[in-house]
Amino acid sequence: MPEAVELLLGLVLDRGDTFVTRRTAESLLRRKDRVGLTIVASALAVANDNHADHIHTAIVDVFSIFSDDLDEALRICDEMSGDIDDRVALGARRLHESLAEIDPVLRPA
């Protein structure tokens, strides 16, 4: 729902509790879809270093297992990097950089 986007973005950037940041980012990333990735990318575009570290941990936790999931997330980030919303585009590039550093455990046979 569009009205949930700002609320979820606020949770990812929660100033009082980085546990909320990490768990919300992880939950959004586990959706493995454009909506979840867009919210996390938007947060990354404006996150301070501390929040960015917690978001990065969530990224690694979610995408370090299956290469297919990682490849799809990278593809979506490539698309989002051309978004007309500058915050989404910048965040998508940052998210792509984080994803590109991951070496997943399981690859197709």
N, C-alpha and C. Protein backbone atom coordinates (compact mmCIF):
# COMPACT_ATOMS: atom_id res chain seq x y z
N MET A 1 0.84 -1.17 0.00
CA MET A 1 0.00 0.00 0.00
C MET A 1 0.89 1.24 0.00
N PRO A 2 0.61 2.16 -0.86
CA PRO A 2 1.44 3.37 -0.94
C PRO A 2 1.55 4.13 0.37
N GLU A 3 0.48 4.14 1.16
CA GLU A 3 0.55 4.90 2.41
C GLU A 3 1.48 4.26 3.43
N ALA A 4 1.86 3.01 3.24
CA ALA A 4 2.77 2.33 4.17
C ALA A 4 4.23 2.65 3.88
N VAL A 5 4.52 3.15 2.70
CA VAL A 5 5.91 3.38 2.30
C VAL A 5 6.62 4.34 3.27
N GLU A 6 6.03 5.47 3.56
CA GLU A 6 6.68 6.45 4.45
C GLU A 6 6.84 5.90 5.86
N LEU A 7 5.86 5.15 6.34
CA LEU A 7 5.96 4.53 7.67
C LEU A 7 7.11 3.53 7.70
N LEU A 8 7.20 2.68 6.69
CA LEU A 8 8.28 1.70 6.63
C LEU A 8 9.64 2.37 6.48
N LEU A 9 9.70 3.41 5.68
CA LEU A 9 10.94 4.16 5.53
C LEU A 9 11.36 4.75 6.88
N GLY A 10 10.40 5.25 7.63
CA GLY A 10 10.68 5.78 8.97
C GLY A 10 11.21 4.72 9.91
N LEU A 11 10.71 3.50 9.78
CA LEU A 11 11.20 2.42 10.64
C LEU A 11 12.63 2.02 10.25
N VAL A 12 12.92 2.00 8.95
CA VAL A 12 14.29 1.66 8.52
C VAL A 12 15.27 2.71 9.03
N LEU A 13 14.82 3.94 9.12
CA LEU A 13 15.70 5.03 9.57
C LEU A 13 15.43 5.42 11.03
N ASP A 14 14.87 4.51 11.81
CA ASP A 14 14.52 4.80 13.20
C ASP A 14 15.72 5.37 13.96
N ARG A 15 15.57 6.56 14.49
CA ARG A 15 16.67 7.24 15.18
C ARG A 15 16.91 6.70 16.58
N GLY A 16 15.91 6.06 17.16
CA GLY A 16 16.03 5.63 18.54
C GLY A 16 16.52 4.20 18.72
N ASP A 17 16.44 3.38 17.68
CA ASP A 17 16.74 1.97 17.88
C ASP A 17 17.18 1.33 16.56
N THR A 18 18.46 1.05 16.44
CA THR A 18 18.97 0.46 15.20
C THR A 18 18.55 -1.01 15.04
N PHE A 19 18.07 -1.63 16.12
CA PHE A 19 17.50 -2.97 15.99
C PHE A 19 16.27 -2.92 15.08
N VAL A 20 15.48 -1.86 15.24
CA VAL A 20 14.31 -1.66 14.39
C VAL A 20 14.77 -1.45 12.95
N THR A 21 15.84 -0.69 12.76
CA THR A 21 16.40 -0.47 11.43
C THR A 21 16.74 -1.79 10.77
N ARG A 22 17.50 -2.60 11.47
CA ARG A 22 17.96 -3.86 10.88
C ARG A 22 16.82 -4.82 10.59
N ARG A 23 15.93 -5.00 11.54
CA ARG A 23 14.83 -5.95 11.34
C ARG A 23 13.84 -5.50 10.27
N THR A 24 13.58 -4.20 10.21
CA THR A 24 12.67 -3.71 9.17
C THR A 24 13.31 -3.86 7.80
N ALA A 25 14.57 -3.48 7.69
CA ALA A 25 15.28 -3.63 6.41
C ALA A 25 15.32 -5.10 6.00
N GLU A 26 15.61 -5.96 6.94
CA GLU A 26 15.66 -7.40 6.64
C GLU A 26 14.31 -7.90 6.16
N SER A 27 13.24 -7.50 6.82
CA SER A 27 11.90 -7.94 6.43
C SER A 27 11.54 -7.44 5.02
N LEU A 28 11.87 -6.20 4.74
CA LEU A 28 11.60 -5.66 3.41
C LEU A 28 12.41 -6.38 2.34
N LEU A 29 13.66 -6.65 2.63
CA LEU A 29 14.52 -7.35 1.68
C LEU A 29 14.07 -8.79 1.45
N ARG A 30 13.54 -9.43 2.48
CA ARG A 30 13.07 -10.81 2.34
C ARG A 30 11.88 -10.93 1.40
N ARG A 31 11.22 -9.82 1.12
CA ARG A 31 10.16 -9.83 0.11
C ARG A 31 10.75 -10.17 -1.26
N LYS A 32 12.00 -9.75 -1.47
CA LYS A 32 12.73 -9.99 -2.71
C LYS A 32 11.96 -9.47 -3.93
N ASP A 33 11.39 -8.28 -3.75
CA ASP A 33 10.67 -7.66 -4.85
C ASP A 33 11.04 -6.18 -4.95
N ARG A 34 10.55 -5.55 -5.98
CA ARG A 34 10.89 -4.15 -6.24
C ARG A 34 10.41 -3.23 -5.12
N VAL A 35 9.25 -3.50 -4.55
CA VAL A 35 8.71 -2.65 -3.48
C VAL A 35 9.65 -2.62 -2.28
N GLY A 36 10.02 -3.80 -1.80
CA GLY A 36 10.91 -3.88 -0.65
C GLY A 36 12.27 -3.27 -0.94
N LEU A 37 12.81 -3.59 -2.10
CA LEU A 37 14.12 -3.05 -2.48
C LEU A 37 14.08 -1.53 -2.64
N THR A 38 12.98 -1.00 -3.13
CA THR A 38 12.86 0.45 -3.31
C THR A 38 12.87 1.17 -1.97
N ILE A 39 12.17 0.63 -1.00
CA ILE A 39 12.14 1.28 0.32
C ILE A 39 13.52 1.24 0.96
N VAL A 40 14.18 0.11 0.88
CA VAL A 40 15.53 0.00 1.45
C VAL A 40 16.50 0.91 0.70
N ALA A 41 16.38 0.97 -0.62
CA ALA A 41 17.25 1.85 -1.40
C ALA A 41 17.01 3.31 -1.02
N SER A 42 15.77 3.69 -0.86
CA SER A 42 15.45 5.07 -0.45
C SER A 42 16.07 5.40 0.89
N ALA A 43 16.04 4.43 1.80
CA ALA A 43 16.66 4.64 3.11
C ALA A 43 18.17 4.76 2.99
N LEU A 44 18.78 3.92 2.18
CA LEU A 44 20.24 3.97 2.00
C LEU A 44 20.70 5.31 1.45
N ALA A 45 19.88 5.93 0.64
CA ALA A 45 20.26 7.20 0.02
C ALA A 45 20.44 8.31 1.05
N VAL A 46 19.75 8.20 2.18
CA VAL A 46 19.80 9.28 3.17
C VAL A 46 20.31 8.81 4.54
N ALA A 47 20.65 7.53 4.65
CA ALA A 47 21.06 6.96 5.94
C ALA A 47 22.41 7.50 6.40
N ASN A 48 22.54 7.69 7.71
CA ASN A 48 23.85 8.03 8.26
C ASN A 48 24.69 6.75 8.27
N ASP A 49 25.96 6.87 8.62
CA ASP A 49 26.86 5.71 8.57
C ASP A 49 26.39 4.57 9.47
N ASN A 50 25.90 4.89 10.66
CA ASN A 50 25.45 3.86 11.59
C ASN A 50 24.27 3.08 11.01
N HIS A 51 23.27 3.79 10.51
CA HIS A 51 22.12 3.12 9.91
C HIS A 51 22.53 2.34 8.67
N ALA A 52 23.40 2.91 7.86
CA ALA A 52 23.86 2.22 6.66
C ALA A 52 24.55 0.91 7.00
N ASP A 53 25.30 0.88 8.09
CA ASP A 53 25.95 -0.37 8.53
C ASP A 53 24.92 -1.43 8.89
N HIS A 54 23.86 -1.04 9.58
CA HIS A 54 22.82 -2.00 9.96
C HIS A 54 22.03 -2.47 8.75
N ILE A 55 21.79 -1.57 7.81
CA ILE A 55 21.11 -1.96 6.58
C ILE A 55 21.99 -2.91 5.78
N HIS A 56 23.29 -2.63 5.72
CA HIS A 56 24.22 -3.50 5.00
C HIS A 56 24.22 -4.91 5.62
N THR A 57 24.18 -4.99 6.94
CA THR A 57 24.12 -6.29 7.60
C THR A 57 22.87 -7.05 7.19
N ALA A 58 21.75 -6.36 7.11
CA ALA A 58 20.50 -6.99 6.67
C ALA A 58 20.62 -7.48 5.23
N ILE A 59 21.27 -6.69 4.38
CA ILE A 59 21.46 -7.07 2.98
C ILE A 59 22.26 -8.37 2.90
N VAL A 60 23.34 -8.45 3.63
CA VAL A 60 24.18 -9.65 3.63
C VAL A 60 23.40 -10.84 4.18
N ASP A 61 22.68 -10.64 5.26
CA ASP A 61 21.90 -11.74 5.86
C ASP A 61 20.88 -12.31 4.88
N VAL A 62 20.25 -11.46 4.10
CA VAL A 62 19.19 -11.92 3.20
C VAL A 62 19.74 -12.51 1.90
N PHE A 63 20.77 -11.91 1.34
CA PHE A 63 21.20 -12.30 -0.01
C PHE A 63 22.49 -13.10 -0.08
N SER A 64 22.98 -13.61 1.03
CA SER A 64 24.24 -14.35 0.99
C SER A 64 24.05 -15.86 0.82
N ILE A 65 22.82 -16.32 0.68
CA ILE A 65 22.59 -17.76 0.54
C ILE A 65 22.42 -18.18 -0.92
N PHE A 66 21.37 -17.71 -1.58
CA PHE A 66 21.04 -18.17 -2.93
C PHE A 66 21.47 -17.18 -4.00
N SER A 67 22.25 -17.65 -4.95
CA SER A 67 22.73 -16.77 -6.02
C SER A 67 21.58 -16.28 -6.90
N ASP A 68 20.54 -17.08 -7.08
CA ASP A 68 19.40 -16.65 -7.90
C ASP A 68 18.73 -15.42 -7.29
N ASP A 69 18.56 -15.42 -5.97
CA ASP A 69 17.96 -14.27 -5.29
C ASP A 69 18.85 -13.03 -5.44
N LEU A 70 20.13 -13.23 -5.29
CA LEU A 70 21.08 -12.13 -5.42
C LEU A 70 21.06 -11.57 -6.84
N ASP A 71 21.07 -12.44 -7.82
CA ASP A 71 21.06 -12.00 -9.22
C ASP A 71 19.81 -11.19 -9.54
N GLU A 72 18.66 -11.63 -9.03
CA GLU A 72 17.41 -10.92 -9.28
C GLU A 72 17.43 -9.55 -8.60
N ALA A 73 17.95 -9.49 -7.38
CA ALA A 73 18.05 -8.21 -6.67
C ALA A 73 18.98 -7.25 -7.42
N LEU A 74 20.08 -7.75 -7.94
CA LEU A 74 21.00 -6.92 -8.72
C LEU A 74 20.31 -6.39 -9.98
N ARG A 75 19.52 -7.23 -10.62
CA ARG A 75 18.80 -6.82 -11.83
C ARG A 75 17.79 -5.71 -11.50
N ILE A 76 17.06 -5.89 -10.42
CA ILE A 76 16.08 -4.87 -10.02
C ILE A 76 16.79 -3.56 -9.68
N CYS A 77 17.91 -3.65 -8.99
CA CYS A 77 18.67 -2.43 -8.65
C CYS A 77 19.17 -1.72 -9.90
N ASP A 78 19.58 -2.48 -10.90
CA ASP A 78 20.00 -1.87 -12.17
C ASP A 78 18.85 -1.05 -12.77
N GLU A 79 17.66 -1.62 -12.75
CA GLU A 79 16.48 -0.91 -13.25
C GLU A 79 16.19 0.34 -12.43
N MET A 80 16.26 0.20 -11.11
CA MET A 80 15.93 1.31 -10.22
C MET A 80 16.96 2.43 -10.28
N SER A 81 18.18 2.13 -10.68
CA SER A 81 19.21 3.17 -10.73
C SER A 81 18.90 4.24 -11.76
N GLY A 82 17.96 3.97 -12.65
CA GLY A 82 17.52 4.96 -13.63
C GLY A 82 16.19 5.62 -13.25
N ASP A 83 15.74 5.40 -12.03
CA ASP A 83 14.46 5.95 -11.57
C ASP A 83 14.47 7.48 -11.63
N ILE A 84 13.32 8.06 -11.89
CA ILE A 84 13.23 9.53 -11.95
C ILE A 84 13.34 10.17 -10.57
N ASP A 85 13.06 9.40 -9.52
CA ASP A 85 13.25 9.89 -8.15
C ASP A 85 14.73 9.76 -7.82
N ASP A 86 15.40 10.89 -7.63
CA ASP A 86 16.85 10.88 -7.38
C ASP A 86 17.23 10.07 -6.16
N ARG A 87 16.39 10.10 -5.11
CA ARG A 87 16.69 9.35 -3.89
C ARG A 87 16.67 7.85 -4.17
N VAL A 88 15.69 7.40 -4.91
CA VAL A 88 15.61 5.97 -5.27
C VAL A 88 16.80 5.59 -6.14
N ALA A 89 17.13 6.41 -7.13
CA ALA A 89 18.24 6.10 -8.04
C ALA A 89 19.57 6.02 -7.29
N LEU A 90 19.83 6.99 -6.42
CA LEU A 90 21.06 6.98 -5.63
C LEU A 90 21.10 5.77 -4.70
N GLY A 91 20.01 5.53 -4.01
CA GLY A 91 19.95 4.39 -3.11
C GLY A 91 20.10 3.07 -3.84
N ALA A 92 19.53 2.98 -5.03
CA ALA A 92 19.65 1.75 -5.82
C ALA A 92 21.10 1.48 -6.19
N ARG A 93 21.83 2.54 -6.51
CA ARG A 93 23.26 2.37 -6.82
C ARG A 93 24.03 1.91 -5.58
N ARG A 94 23.71 2.49 -4.43
CA ARG A 94 24.36 2.07 -3.19
C ARG A 94 23.99 0.63 -2.83
N LEU A 95 22.73 0.29 -3.00
CA LEU A 95 22.29 -1.07 -2.72
C LEU A 95 22.97 -2.05 -3.66
N HIS A 96 23.09 -1.68 -4.93
CA HIS A 96 23.77 -2.53 -5.90
C HIS A 96 25.22 -2.77 -5.49
N GLU A 97 25.89 -1.72 -5.02
CA GLU A 97 27.28 -1.87 -4.57
C GLU A 97 27.38 -2.88 -3.43
N SER A 98 26.47 -2.79 -2.48
CA SER A 98 26.48 -3.73 -1.35
C SER A 98 26.21 -5.15 -1.83
N LEU A 99 25.24 -5.30 -2.70
CA LEU A 99 24.90 -6.62 -3.22
C LEU A 99 26.06 -7.22 -4.02
N ALA A 100 26.75 -6.39 -4.79
CA ALA A 100 27.84 -6.87 -5.65
C ALA A 100 29.01 -7.43 -4.85
N GLU A 101 29.12 -7.07 -3.59
CA GLU A 101 30.20 -7.57 -2.74
C GLU A 101 29.92 -8.96 -2.18
N ILE A 102 28.69 -9.42 -2.31
CA ILE A 102 28.29 -10.70 -1.71
C ILE A 102 28.67 -11.86 -2.60
N ASP A 103 29.22 -12.90 -1.98
CA ASP A 103 29.50 -14.15 -2.67
C ASP A 103 28.58 -15.21 -2.08
N PRO A 104 27.45 -15.50 -2.75
CA PRO A 104 26.46 -16.40 -2.17
C PRO A 104 26.97 -17.82 -2.00
N VAL A 105 26.38 -18.50 -1.03
CA VAL A 105 26.80 -19.86 -0.69
C VAL A 105 26.32 -20.88 -1.72
N LEU A 106 25.08 -20.77 -2.17
CA LEU A 106 24.49 -21.77 -3.05
C LEU A 106 24.24 -21.21 -4.44
N ARG A 107 24.73 -21.97 -5.43
CA ARG A 107 24.55 -21.61 -6.84
C ARG A 107 23.87 -22.78 -7.55
N PRO A 108 23.17 -22.49 -8.65
CA PRO A 108 22.54 -23.59 -9.39
C PRO A 108 23.58 -24.61 -9.86
N ALA A 109 23.15 -25.83 -9.94
CA ALA A 109 24.06 -26.92 -10.36
C ALA A 109 24.34 -26.87 -11.84
